[in-house]
Structures are given as C-alpha cells and as structure tokens.
C-alpha cells in the first residue's frame, strides 16, 4: 500500500513547477536497476507523509502552497503532510540564465 501512495504523491508532485524530489547525490547510474530513485524522497507513516524537496523556483511560499493543494487529496486518511525543502537549485537563484553556453558559437 505504501508504494502505491508514494507513486500517487510523486505523480501529483510532478505537476508542481518549481519543485522536484530531493534524491541522494550519489544515486548510481545503473540503467538496469528497476528503481525510481525519487521514492527515496518520500517517507510515509500512518500519521505523517514527509516529502524532501529541491526548489527550482522562488519565492517558496506560493510554490509550496500549490504543492500542498495537489498533494493533500492524495494523502492517506488521517495523515499530515510535511514538505521539507532540503536545497535550492541555482536555477531558482538566476531564472533568466538557461545555461552556461547561452552565446552563439564563434562569438
């Protein structure tokens, strides 16, 4: 049951621009491992659902509010939601800069 809840939560979270699951930086790059590493960002207990996140958009309050709106209907009955922003992606700090190579070749 917990696995189904986690997948439903991640599906809802993917609809929120500006947030992504916080996964370990040392996730192996083994293509043959049938594992969704985003699952590691979610902890489900009967009383609490905790999702660890990386923000890719600022300001945080409206982004987290939107996430709460989409995630609350997916929560197990009686569980509270805790959203924990563990990091802010540098894209959030400089949203107009798309890449380090934003100039034409040869210039």
PDB file of N, CA and C in Angstrom:
ATOM      1  N   UNK A   1       0.820  -1.196   0.000  1.00  0.00           N
ATOM      2  CA  UNK A   1       0.000   0.000   0.000  1.00  0.00           C
ATOM      3  C   UNK A   1       0.867   1.265   0.000  1.00  0.00           C
ATOM      4  N   UNK A   2       1.936   1.277   0.793  1.00  0.00           N
ATOM      5  CA  UNK A   2       2.805   2.445   0.879  1.00  0.00           C
ATOM      6  C   UNK A   2       3.397   2.800  -0.483  1.00  0.00           C
ATOM      7  N   UNK A   3       3.779   1.781  -1.263  1.00  0.00           N
ATOM      8  CA  UNK A   3       4.356   2.030  -2.583  1.00  0.00           C
ATOM      9  C   UNK A   3       3.381   2.720  -3.511  1.00  0.00           C
ATOM     10  N   UNK A   4       2.118   2.351  -3.432  1.00  0.00           N
ATOM     11  CA  UNK A   4       1.091   2.977  -4.262  1.00  0.00           C
ATOM     12  C   UNK A   4       0.909   4.438  -3.860  1.00  0.00           C
ATOM     13  N   UNK A   5       0.882   4.697  -2.563  1.00  0.00           N
ATOM     14  CA  UNK A   5       0.742   6.068  -2.063  1.00  0.00           C
ATOM     15  C   UNK A   5       1.923   6.913  -2.516  1.00  0.00           C
ATOM     16  N   UNK A   6       3.125   6.373  -2.423  1.00  0.00           N
ATOM     17  CA  UNK A   6       4.325   7.108  -2.839  1.00  0.00           C
ATOM     18  C   UNK A   6       4.238   7.469  -4.321  1.00  0.00           C
ATOM     19  N   UNK A   7       3.824   6.533  -5.144  1.00  0.00           N
ATOM     20  CA  UNK A   7       3.716   6.805  -6.579  1.00  0.00           C
ATOM     21  C   UNK A   7       2.661   7.870  -6.861  1.00  0.00           C
ATOM     22  N   UNK A   8       1.528   7.818  -6.150  1.00  0.00           N
ATOM     23  CA  UNK A   8       0.488   8.838  -6.335  1.00  0.00           C
ATOM     24  C   UNK A   8       0.990  10.210  -5.892  1.00  0.00           C
ATOM     25  N   UNK A   9       1.734  10.255  -4.795  1.00  0.00           N
ATOM     26  CA  UNK A   9       2.295  11.517  -4.321  1.00  0.00           C
ATOM     27  C   UNK A   9       3.292  12.087  -5.322  1.00  0.00           C
ATOM     28  N   UNK A  10       4.166  11.232  -5.848  1.00  0.00           N
ATOM     29  CA  UNK A  10       5.161  11.697  -6.821  1.00  0.00           C
ATOM     30  C   UNK A  10       4.496  12.159  -8.114  1.00  0.00           C
ATOM     31  N   UNK A  11       3.433  11.489  -8.523  1.00  0.00           N
ATOM     32  CA  UNK A  11       2.700  11.903  -9.719  1.00  0.00           C
ATOM     33  C   UNK A  11       2.113  13.295  -9.514  1.00  0.00           C
ATOM     34  N   UNK A  12       1.532  13.529  -8.342  1.00  0.00           N
ATOM     35  CA  UNK A  12       0.985  14.856  -8.041  1.00  0.00           C
ATOM     36  C   UNK A  12       2.097  15.894  -7.954  1.00  0.00           C
ATOM     37  N   UNK A  13       3.216  15.542  -7.344  1.00  0.00           N
ATOM     38  CA  UNK A  13       4.329  16.475  -7.187  1.00  0.00           C
ATOM     39  C   UNK A  13       4.907  16.884  -8.538  1.00  0.00           C
ATOM     40  N   UNK A  14       4.917  15.995  -9.486  1.00  0.00           N
ATOM     41  CA  UNK A  14       5.473  16.311 -10.819  1.00  0.00           C
ATOM     42  C   UNK A  14       4.652  17.364 -11.549  1.00  0.00           C
ATOM     43  N   UNK A  15       3.461  17.656 -11.064  1.00  0.00           N
ATOM     44  CA  UNK A  15       2.611  18.691 -11.660  1.00  0.00           C
ATOM     45  C   UNK A  15       2.895  20.071 -11.076  1.00  0.00           C
ATOM     46  N   UNK A  16       3.815  20.136 -10.120  1.00  0.00           N
ATOM     47  CA  UNK A  16       4.137  21.403  -9.458  1.00  0.00           C
ATOM     48  C   UNK A  16       5.421  21.973 -10.055  1.00  0.00           C
ATOM     49  N   UNK A  17       5.308  23.042 -10.852  1.00  0.00           N
ATOM     50  CA  UNK A  17       6.535  23.654 -11.354  1.00  0.00           C
ATOM     51  C   UNK A  17       7.286  24.326 -10.210  1.00  0.00           C
ATOM     52  N   UNK A  18       8.578  24.097 -10.171  1.00  0.00           N
ATOM     53  CA  UNK A  18       9.392  24.744  -9.149  1.00  0.00           C
ATOM     54  C   UNK A  18       9.840  23.833  -8.031  1.00  0.00           C
ATOM     55  N   UNK A  19       9.417  22.570  -8.048  1.00  0.00           N
ATOM     56  CA  UNK A  19       9.846  21.605  -7.040  1.00  0.00           C
ATOM     57  C   UNK A  19      10.179  20.283  -7.698  1.00  0.00           C
ATOM     58  N   UNK A  20      11.154  19.603  -7.098  1.00  0.00           N
ATOM     59  CA  UNK A  20      11.445  18.235  -7.527  1.00  0.00           C
ATOM     60  C   UNK A  20      11.855  17.432  -6.298  1.00  0.00           C
ATOM     61  N   UNK A  21      11.686  16.129  -6.327  1.00  0.00           N
ATOM     62  CA  UNK A  21      12.093  15.316  -5.174  1.00  0.00           C
ATOM     63  C   UNK A  21      13.594  15.438  -4.931  1.00  0.00           C
ATOM     64  N   UNK A  22      13.969  15.475  -3.670  1.00  0.00           N
ATOM     65  CA  UNK A  22      15.381  15.523  -3.294  1.00  0.00           C
ATOM     66  C   UNK A  22      15.889  14.095  -3.198  1.00  0.00           C
ATOM     67  N   UNK A  23      16.749  13.728  -4.120  1.00  0.00           N
ATOM     68  CA  UNK A  23      17.332  12.394  -4.127  1.00  0.00           C
ATOM     69  C   UNK A  23      18.806  12.502  -3.779  1.00  0.00           C
ATOM     70  N   UNK A  24      19.387  11.437  -3.264  1.00  0.00           N
ATOM     71  CA  UNK A  24      20.811  11.494  -2.901  1.00  0.00           C
ATOM     72  C   UNK A  24      21.686  11.836  -4.094  1.00  0.00           C
ATOM     73  N   UNK A  25      22.721  12.594  -3.851  1.00  0.00           N
ATOM     74  CA  UNK A  25      23.642  12.979  -4.923  1.00  0.00           C
ATOM     75  C   UNK A  25      24.436  11.796  -5.443  1.00  0.00           C
ATOM     76  N   UNK A  26      24.493  10.719  -4.686  1.00  0.00           N
ATOM     77  CA  UNK A  26      25.298   9.562  -5.072  1.00  0.00           C
ATOM     78  C   UNK A  26      24.455   8.444  -5.658  1.00  0.00           C
ATOM     79  N   UNK A  27      23.316   8.798  -6.277  1.00  0.00           N
ATOM     80  CA  UNK A  27      22.470   7.776  -6.887  1.00  0.00           C
ATOM     81  C   UNK A  27      23.245   7.094  -8.005  1.00  0.00           C
ATOM     82  N   UNK A  28      23.314   5.761  -7.978  1.00  0.00           N
ATOM     83  CA  UNK A  28      24.045   5.066  -9.037  1.00  0.00           C
ATOM     84  C   UNK A  28      23.381   5.263 -10.396  1.00  0.00           C
ATOM     85  N   UNK A  29      24.164   5.254 -11.427  1.00  0.00           N
ATOM     86  CA  UNK A  29      23.628   5.446 -12.778  1.00  0.00           C
ATOM     87  C   UNK A  29      23.488   4.117 -13.498  1.00  0.00           C
ATOM     88  N   UNK A  30      23.032   3.122 -12.800  1.00  0.00           N
ATOM     89  CA  UNK A  30      22.848   1.810 -13.403  1.00  0.00           C
ATOM     90  C   UNK A  30      21.490   1.748 -14.082  1.00  0.00           C
ATOM     91  N   UNK A  31      21.491   1.665 -15.394  1.00  0.00           N
ATOM     92  CA  UNK A  31      20.250   1.686 -16.153  1.00  0.00           C
ATOM     93  C   UNK A  31      19.421   0.430 -15.927  1.00  0.00           C
ATOM     94  N   UNK A  32      20.036  -0.654 -15.558  1.00  0.00           N
ATOM     95  CA  UNK A  32      19.310  -1.910 -15.426  1.00  0.00           C
ATOM     96  C   UNK A  32      18.594  -2.061 -14.090  1.00  0.00           C
ATOM     97  N   UNK A  33      18.828  -1.142 -13.165  1.00  0.00           N
ATOM     98  CA  UNK A  33      18.179  -1.226 -11.857  1.00  0.00           C
ATOM     99  C   UNK A  33      16.763  -0.671 -11.978  1.00  0.00           C
ATOM    100  N   UNK A  34      15.742  -1.512 -11.759  1.00  0.00           N
ATOM    101  CA  UNK A  34      14.350  -1.054 -11.898  1.00  0.00           C
ATOM    102  C   UNK A  34      13.870  -0.333 -10.647  1.00  0.00           C
ATOM    103  N   UNK A  35      14.336   0.884 -10.444  1.00  0.00           N
ATOM    104  CA  UNK A  35      14.039   1.608  -9.216  1.00  0.00           C
ATOM    105  C   UNK A  35      13.795   3.065  -9.554  1.00  0.00           C
ATOM    106  N   UNK A  36      12.747   3.619  -8.983  1.00  0.00           N
ATOM    107  CA  UNK A  36      12.505   5.047  -9.124  1.00  0.00           C
ATOM    108  C   UNK A  36      13.174   5.733  -7.943  1.00  0.00           C
ATOM    109  N   UNK A  37      14.310   6.375  -8.178  1.00  0.00           N
ATOM    110  CA  UNK A  37      15.094   6.978  -7.103  1.00  0.00           C
ATOM    111  C   UNK A  37      14.342   8.096  -6.394  1.00  0.00           C
ATOM    112  N   UNK A  38      13.326   8.676  -7.040  1.00  0.00           N
ATOM    113  CA  UNK A  38      12.523   9.711  -6.403  1.00  0.00           C
ATOM    114  C   UNK A  38      11.781   9.173  -5.177  1.00  0.00           C
ATOM    115  N   UNK A  39      11.537   7.863  -5.140  1.00  0.00           N
ATOM    116  CA  UNK A  39      10.878   7.252  -3.975  1.00  0.00           C
ATOM    117  C   UNK A  39      11.640   7.532  -2.679  1.00  0.00           C
ATOM    118  N   UNK A  40      12.955   7.708  -2.774  1.00  0.00           N
ATOM    119  CA  UNK A  40      13.765   7.935  -1.582  1.00  0.00           C
ATOM    120  C   UNK A  40      13.456   9.269  -0.906  1.00  0.00           C
ATOM    121  N   UNK A  41      12.784  10.164  -1.615  1.00  0.00           N
ATOM    122  CA  UNK A  41      12.464  11.478  -1.060  1.00  0.00           C
ATOM    123  C   UNK A  41      11.165  11.468  -0.254  1.00  0.00           C
ATOM    124  N   UNK A  42      10.474  10.331  -0.228  1.00  0.00           N
ATOM    125  CA  UNK A  42       9.161  10.265   0.422  1.00  0.00           C
ATOM    126  C   UNK A  42       9.184   9.242   1.548  1.00  0.00           C
ATOM    127  N   UNK A  43       8.694   9.675   2.717  1.00  0.00           N
ATOM    128  CA  UNK A  43       8.522   8.780   3.856  1.00  0.00           C
ATOM    129  C   UNK A  43       7.047   8.805   4.233  1.00  0.00           C
ATOM    130  N   UNK A  44       6.450   7.616   4.307  1.00  0.00           N
ATOM    131  CA  UNK A  44       5.030   7.511   4.634  1.00  0.00           C
ATOM    132  C   UNK A  44       4.868   6.701   5.909  1.00  0.00           C
ATOM    133  N   UNK A  45       4.203   7.302   6.899  1.00  0.00           N
ATOM    134  CA  UNK A  45       3.789   6.587   8.106  1.00  0.00           C
ATOM    135  C   UNK A  45       2.282   6.824   8.245  1.00  0.00           C
ATOM    136  N   UNK A  46       1.604   6.096   9.124  1.00  0.00           N
ATOM    137  CA  UNK A  46       0.158   6.320   9.282  1.00  0.00           C
ATOM    138  C   UNK A  46      -0.189   7.750   9.711  1.00  0.00           C
ATOM    139  N   UNK A  47       0.723   8.416  10.439  1.00  0.00           N
ATOM    140  CA  UNK A  47       0.435   9.760  10.940  1.00  0.00           C
ATOM    141  C   UNK A  47       0.989  10.876  10.067  1.00  0.00           C
ATOM    142  N   UNK A  48       2.045  10.591   9.295  1.00  0.00           N
ATOM    143  CA  UNK A  48       2.766  11.662   8.612  1.00  0.00           C
ATOM    144  C   UNK A  48       3.309  11.204   7.262  1.00  0.00           C
ATOM    145  N   UNK A  49       3.186  12.095   6.282  1.00  0.00           N
ATOM    146  CA  UNK A  49       3.851  11.918   4.991  1.00  0.00           C
ATOM    147  C   UNK A  49       4.846  13.060   4.876  1.00  0.00           C
ATOM    148  N   UNK A  50       6.131  12.698   4.758  1.00  0.00           N
ATOM    149  CA  UNK A  50       7.178  13.704   4.610  1.00  0.00           C
ATOM    150  C   UNK A  50       7.789  13.572   3.229  1.00  0.00           C
ATOM    151  N   UNK A  51       7.879  14.705   2.533  1.00  0.00           N
ATOM    152  CA  UNK A  51       8.496  14.736   1.201  1.00  0.00           C
ATOM    153  C   UNK A  51       9.626  15.747   1.235  1.00  0.00           C
ATOM    154  N   UNK A  52      10.829  15.278   0.930  1.00  0.00           N
ATOM    155  CA  UNK A  52      12.001  16.131   0.873  1.00  0.00           C
ATOM    156  C   UNK A  52      12.135  16.648  -0.566  1.00  0.00           C
ATOM    157  N   UNK A  53      12.360  17.963  -0.687  1.00  0.00           N
ATOM    158  CA  UNK A  53      12.275  18.622  -1.986  1.00  0.00           C
ATOM    159  C   UNK A  53      13.483  19.499  -2.274  1.00  0.00           C
ATOM    160  N   UNK A  54      13.694  19.737  -3.564  1.00  0.00           N
ATOM    161  CA  UNK A  54      14.646  20.736  -4.042  1.00  0.00           C
ATOM    162  C   UNK A  54      13.813  21.781  -4.774  1.00  0.00           C
ATOM    163  N   UNK A  55      13.984  23.041  -4.395  1.00  0.00           N
ATOM    164  CA  UNK A  55      13.260  24.129  -5.049  1.00  0.00           C
ATOM    165  C   UNK A  55      14.020  24.571  -6.288  1.00  0.00           C
ATOM    166  N   UNK A  56      13.294  24.718  -7.389  1.00  0.00           N
ATOM    167  CA  UNK A  56      13.893  25.218  -8.624  1.00  0.00           C
ATOM    168  C   UNK A  56      13.271  26.552  -9.036  1.00  0.00           C
ATOM    169  N   UNK A  57      12.419  27.093  -8.155  1.00  0.00           N
ATOM    170  CA  UNK A  57      11.730  28.357  -8.430  1.00  0.00           C
ATOM    171  C   UNK A  57      11.491  29.070  -7.107  1.00  0.00           C
ATOM    172  N   UNK A  58      11.617  30.368  -7.124  1.00  0.00           N
ATOM    173  CA  UNK A  58      11.343  31.197  -5.958  1.00  0.00           C
ATOM    174  C   UNK A  58      10.276  32.220  -6.328  1.00  0.00           C
ATOM    175  N   UNK A  59       9.542  32.746  -5.388  1.00  0.00           N
ATOM    176  CA  UNK A  59       9.560  32.563  -3.952  1.00  0.00           C
ATOM    177  C   UNK A  59       8.908  31.240  -3.552  1.00  0.00           C
ATOM    178  N   UNK A  60       9.337  30.728  -2.417  1.00  0.00           N
ATOM    179  CA  UNK A  60       8.882  29.420  -1.958  1.00  0.00           C
ATOM    180  C   UNK A  60       7.423  29.349  -1.507  1.00  0.00           C
ATOM    181  N   UNK A  61       6.885  30.322  -0.764  1.00  0.00           N
ATOM    182  CA  UNK A  61       5.523  30.146  -0.242  1.00  0.00           C
ATOM    183  C   UNK A  61       4.467  29.804  -1.294  1.00  0.00           C
ATOM    184  N   UNK A  62       4.392  30.500  -2.445  1.00  0.00           N
ATOM    185  CA  UNK A  62       3.367  30.111  -3.415  1.00  0.00           C
ATOM    186  C   UNK A  62       3.623  28.736  -4.040  1.00  0.00           C
ATOM    187  N   UNK A  63       4.878  28.389  -4.236  1.00  0.00           N
ATOM    188  CA  UNK A  63       5.212  27.089  -4.818  1.00  0.00           C
ATOM    189  C   UNK A  63       4.814  25.977  -3.847  1.00  0.00           C
ATOM    190  N   UNK A  64       5.144  26.143  -2.577  1.00  0.00           N
ATOM    191  CA  UNK A  64       4.784  25.141  -1.579  1.00  0.00           C
ATOM    192  C   UNK A  64       3.273  25.082  -1.367  1.00  0.00           C
ATOM    193  N   UNK A  65       2.600  26.221  -1.459  1.00  0.00           N
ATOM    194  CA  UNK A  65       1.139  26.235  -1.354  1.00  0.00           C
ATOM    195  C   UNK A  65       0.491  25.449  -2.470  1.00  0.00           C
ATOM    196  N   UNK A  66       1.002  25.622  -3.676  1.00  0.00           N
ATOM    197  CA  UNK A  66       0.485  24.863  -4.824  1.00  0.00           C
ATOM    198  C   UNK A  66       0.723  23.367  -4.620  1.00  0.00           C
ATOM    199  N   UNK A  67       1.897  23.017  -4.132  1.00  0.00           N
ATOM    200  CA  UNK A  67       2.210  21.615  -3.867  1.00  0.00           C
ATOM    201  C   UNK A  67       1.243  21.033  -2.835  1.00  0.00           C
ATOM    202  N   UNK A  68       0.991  21.786  -1.789  1.00  0.00           N
ATOM    203  CA  UNK A  68       0.080  21.311  -0.744  1.00  0.00           C
ATOM    204  C   UNK A  68      -1.322  21.074  -1.301  1.00  0.00           C
ATOM    205  N   UNK A  69      -1.780  21.972  -2.177  1.00  0.00           N
ATOM    206  CA  UNK A  69      -3.102  21.814  -2.795  1.00  0.00           C
ATOM    207  C   UNK A  69      -3.200  20.513  -3.594  1.00  0.00           C
ATOM    208  N   UNK A  70      -2.136  20.173  -4.321  1.00  0.00           N
ATOM    209  CA  UNK A  70      -2.165  18.976  -5.159  1.00  0.00           C
ATOM    210  C   UNK A  70      -1.884  17.692  -4.379  1.00  0.00           C
ATOM    211  N   UNK A  71      -1.105  17.787  -3.309  1.00  0.00           N
ATOM    212  CA  UNK A  71      -0.716  16.597  -2.563  1.00  0.00           C
ATOM    213  C   UNK A  71      -1.742  16.185  -1.504  1.00  0.00           C
ATOM    214  N   UNK A  72      -2.437  17.144  -0.917  1.00  0.00           N
ATOM    215  CA  UNK A  72      -3.371  16.842   0.173  1.00  0.00           C
ATOM    216  C   UNK A  72      -4.432  15.812  -0.212  1.00  0.00           C
ATOM    217  N   UNK A  73      -5.048  15.888  -1.391  1.00  0.00           N
ATOM    218  CA  UNK A  73      -6.056  14.881  -1.737  1.00  0.00           C
ATOM    219  C   UNK A  73      -5.497  13.458  -1.876  1.00  0.00           C
ATOM    220  N   UNK A  74      -4.205  13.320  -2.037  1.00  0.00           N
ATOM    221  CA  UNK A  74      -3.578  12.012  -2.237  1.00  0.00           C
ATOM    222  C   UNK A  74      -3.133  11.385  -0.915  1.00  0.00           C
ATOM    223  N   UNK A  75      -3.131  12.170   0.151  1.00  0.00           N
ATOM    224  CA  UNK A  75      -2.665  11.669   1.450  1.00  0.00           C
ATOM    225  C   UNK A  75      -3.538  10.534   1.962  1.00  0.00           C
ATOM    226  N   UNK A  76      -2.933   9.579   2.661  1.00  0.00           N
ATOM    227  CA  UNK A  76      -3.733   8.551   3.327  1.00  0.00           C
ATOM    228  C   UNK A  76      -4.626   9.208   4.386  1.00  0.00           C
ATOM    229  N   UNK A  77      -5.789   8.628   4.667  1.00  0.00           N
ATOM    230  CA  UNK A  77      -6.688   9.209   5.667  1.00  0.00           C
ATOM    231  C   UNK A  77      -5.989   9.371   7.017  1.00  0.00           C
ATOM    232  N   UNK A  78      -6.122  10.564   7.599  1.00  0.00           N
ATOM    233  CA  UNK A  78      -5.559  10.834   8.914  1.00  0.00           C
ATOM    234  C   UNK A  78      -4.097  11.246   8.927  1.00  0.00           C
ATOM    235  N   UNK A  79      -3.431  11.239   7.786  1.00  0.00           N
ATOM    236  CA  UNK A  79      -2.006  11.597   7.739  1.00  0.00           C
ATOM    237  C   UNK A  79      -1.848  13.097   7.503  1.00  0.00           C
ATOM    238  N   UNK A  80      -0.819  13.674   8.115  1.00  0.00           N
ATOM    239  CA  UNK A  80      -0.455  15.066   7.891  1.00  0.00           C
ATOM    240  C   UNK A  80       0.642  15.121   6.839  1.00  0.00           C
ATOM    241  N   UNK A  81       0.770  16.261   6.197  1.00  0.00           N
ATOM    242  CA  UNK A  81       1.789  16.459   5.169  1.00  0.00           C
ATOM    243  C   UNK A  81       2.875  17.382   5.693  1.00  0.00           C
ATOM    244  N   UNK A  82       4.131  16.972   5.502  1.00  0.00           N
ATOM    245  CA  UNK A  82       5.274  17.821   5.832  1.00  0.00           C
ATOM    246  C   UNK A  82       6.140  17.934   4.581  1.00  0.00           C
ATOM    247  N   UNK A  83       6.306  19.149   4.083  1.00  0.00           N
ATOM    248  CA  UNK A  83       7.176  19.410   2.943  1.00  0.00           C
ATOM    249  C   UNK A  83       8.467  20.017   3.470  1.00  0.00           C
ATOM    250  N   UNK A  84       9.588  19.392   3.153  1.00  0.00           N
ATOM    251  CA  UNK A  84      10.889  19.828   3.645  1.00  0.00           C
ATOM    252  C   UNK A  84      11.759  20.201   2.445  1.00  0.00           C
ATOM    253  N   UNK A  85      12.075  21.474   2.317  1.00  0.00           N
ATOM    254  CA  UNK A  85      12.960  21.921   1.243  1.00  0.00           C
ATOM    255  C   UNK A  85      14.389  21.751   1.743  1.00  0.00           C
ATOM    256  N   UNK A  86      15.086  20.800   1.141  1.00  0.00           N
ATOM    257  CA  UNK A  86      16.444  20.481   1.577  1.00  0.00           C
ATOM    258  C   UNK A  86      17.510  21.260   0.813  1.00  0.00           C
ATOM    259  N   UNK A  87      17.122  21.811  -0.346  1.00  0.00           N
ATOM    260  CA  UNK A  87      18.107  22.516  -1.163  1.00  0.00           C
ATOM    261  C   UNK A  87      17.376  23.447  -2.114  1.00  0.00           C
ATOM    262  N   UNK A  88      18.104  24.439  -2.601  1.00  0.00           N
ATOM    263  CA  UNK A  88      17.593  25.338  -3.633  1.00  0.00           C
ATOM    264  C   UNK A  88      18.535  25.233  -4.818  1.00  0.00           C
ATOM    265  N   UNK A  89      18.000  24.839  -5.950  1.00  0.00           N
ATOM    266  CA  UNK A  89      18.784  24.704  -7.170  1.00  0.00           C
ATOM    267  C   UNK A  89      19.227  26.092  -7.623  1.00  0.00           C
ATOM    268  N   UNK A  90      20.415  26.187  -8.186  1.00  0.00           N
ATOM    269  CA  UNK A  90      20.910  27.502  -8.589  1.00  0.00           C
ATOM    270  C   UNK A  90      20.060  28.111  -9.698  1.00  0.00           C
ATOM    271  N   UNK A  91      19.298  27.313 -10.414  1.00  0.00           N
ATOM    272  CA  UNK A  91      18.376  27.839 -11.422  1.00  0.00           C
ATOM    273  C   UNK A  91      17.352  28.761 -10.759  1.00  0.00           C
ATOM    274  N   UNK A  92      16.962  28.454  -9.538  1.00  0.00           N
ATOM    275  CA  UNK A  92      15.992  29.280  -8.817  1.00  0.00           C
ATOM    276  C   UNK A  92      16.575  30.650  -8.471  1.00  0.00           C
ATOM    277  N   UNK A  93      17.864  30.706  -8.285  1.00  0.00           N
ATOM    278  CA  UNK A  93      18.509  31.962  -7.916  1.00  0.00           C
ATOM    279  C   UNK A  93      18.787  32.855  -9.110  1.00  0.00           C
ATOM    280  N   UNK A  94      18.856  32.277 -10.301  1.00  0.00           N
ATOM    281  CA  UNK A  94      19.108  33.029 -11.522  1.00  0.00           C
ATOM    282  C   UNK A  94      18.218  32.461 -12.629  1.00  0.00           C
ATOM    283  N   UNK A  95      16.912  32.709 -12.587  1.00  0.00           N
ATOM    284  CA  UNK A  95      15.989  32.065 -13.514  1.00  0.00           C
ATOM    285  C   UNK A  95      16.146  32.487 -14.971  1.00  0.00           C
ATOM    286  N   UNK A  96      16.798  33.606 -15.237  1.00  0.00           N
ATOM    287  CA  UNK A  96      16.929  34.065 -16.616  1.00  0.00           C
ATOM    288  C   UNK A  96      18.115  33.449 -17.333  1.00  0.00           C
ATOM    289  N   UNK A  97      18.953  32.785 -16.599  1.00  0.00           N
ATOM    290  CA  UNK A  97      20.132  32.161 -17.190  1.00  0.00           C
ATOM    291  C   UNK A  97      19.820  30.695 -17.464  1.00  0.00           C
ATOM    292  N   UNK A  98      19.679  30.337 -18.742  1.00  0.00           N
ATOM    293  CA  UNK A  98      19.290  28.981 -19.096  1.00  0.00           C
ATOM    294  C   UNK A  98      20.463  28.014 -19.068  1.00  0.00           C
ATOM    295  N   UNK A  99      21.623  28.468 -19.465  1.00  0.00           N
ATOM    296  CA  UNK A  99      22.792  27.587 -19.455  1.00  0.00           C
ATOM    297  C   UNK A  99      24.051  28.434 -19.445  1.00  0.00           C
ATOM    298  N   UNK A 100      25.169  27.778 -19.240  1.00  0.00           N
ATOM    299  CA  UNK A 100      26.443  28.487 -19.276  1.00  0.00           C
ATOM    300  C   UNK A 100      26.853  28.821 -20.710  1.00  0.00           C
ATOM    301  N   UNK A 101      26.245  28.177 -21.678  1.00  0.00           N
ATOM    302  CA  UNK A 101      26.600  28.381 -23.083  1.00  0.00           C
ATOM    303  C   UNK A 101      25.430  29.032 -23.808  1.00  0.00           C
ATOM    304  N   UNK A 102      25.089  30.250 -23.389  1.00  0.00           N
ATOM    305  CA  UNK A 102      23.949  30.924 -23.999  1.00  0.00           C
ATOM    306  C   UNK A 102      24.370  31.945 -25.052  1.00  0.00           C
ATOM    307  N   UNK A 103      25.558  31.767 -25.598  1.00  0.00           N
ATOM    308  CA  UNK A 103      26.032  32.663 -26.631  1.00  0.00           C
ATOM    309  C   UNK A 103      26.265  31.860 -27.907  1.00  0.00           C
ATOM    310  N   UNK A 104      26.130  32.508 -29.057  1.00  0.00           N
ATOM    311  CA  UNK A 104      26.332  31.799 -30.316  1.00  0.00           C
ATOM    312  C   UNK A 104      27.785  31.332 -30.471  1.00  0.00           C
ATOM    313  N   UNK A 105      27.937  30.206 -31.112  1.00  0.00           N
ATOM    314  CA  UNK A 105      29.272  29.669 -31.376  1.00  0.00           C
ATOM    315  C   UNK A 105      30.021  30.641 -32.281  1.00  0.00           C
ATOM    316  N   UNK A 106      31.268  30.918 -31.960  1.00  0.00           N
ATOM    317  CA  UNK A 106      32.100  31.792 -32.755  1.00  0.00           C
ATOM    318  C   UNK A 106      32.063  33.247 -32.315  1.00  0.00           C
ATOM    319  N   UNK A 107      31.267  33.554 -31.293  1.00  0.00           N
ATOM    320  CA  UNK A 107      31.225  34.953 -30.863  1.00  0.00           C
ATOM    321  C   UNK A 107      32.259  35.232 -29.813  1.00  0.00           C
TER     322      UNK A 107
END
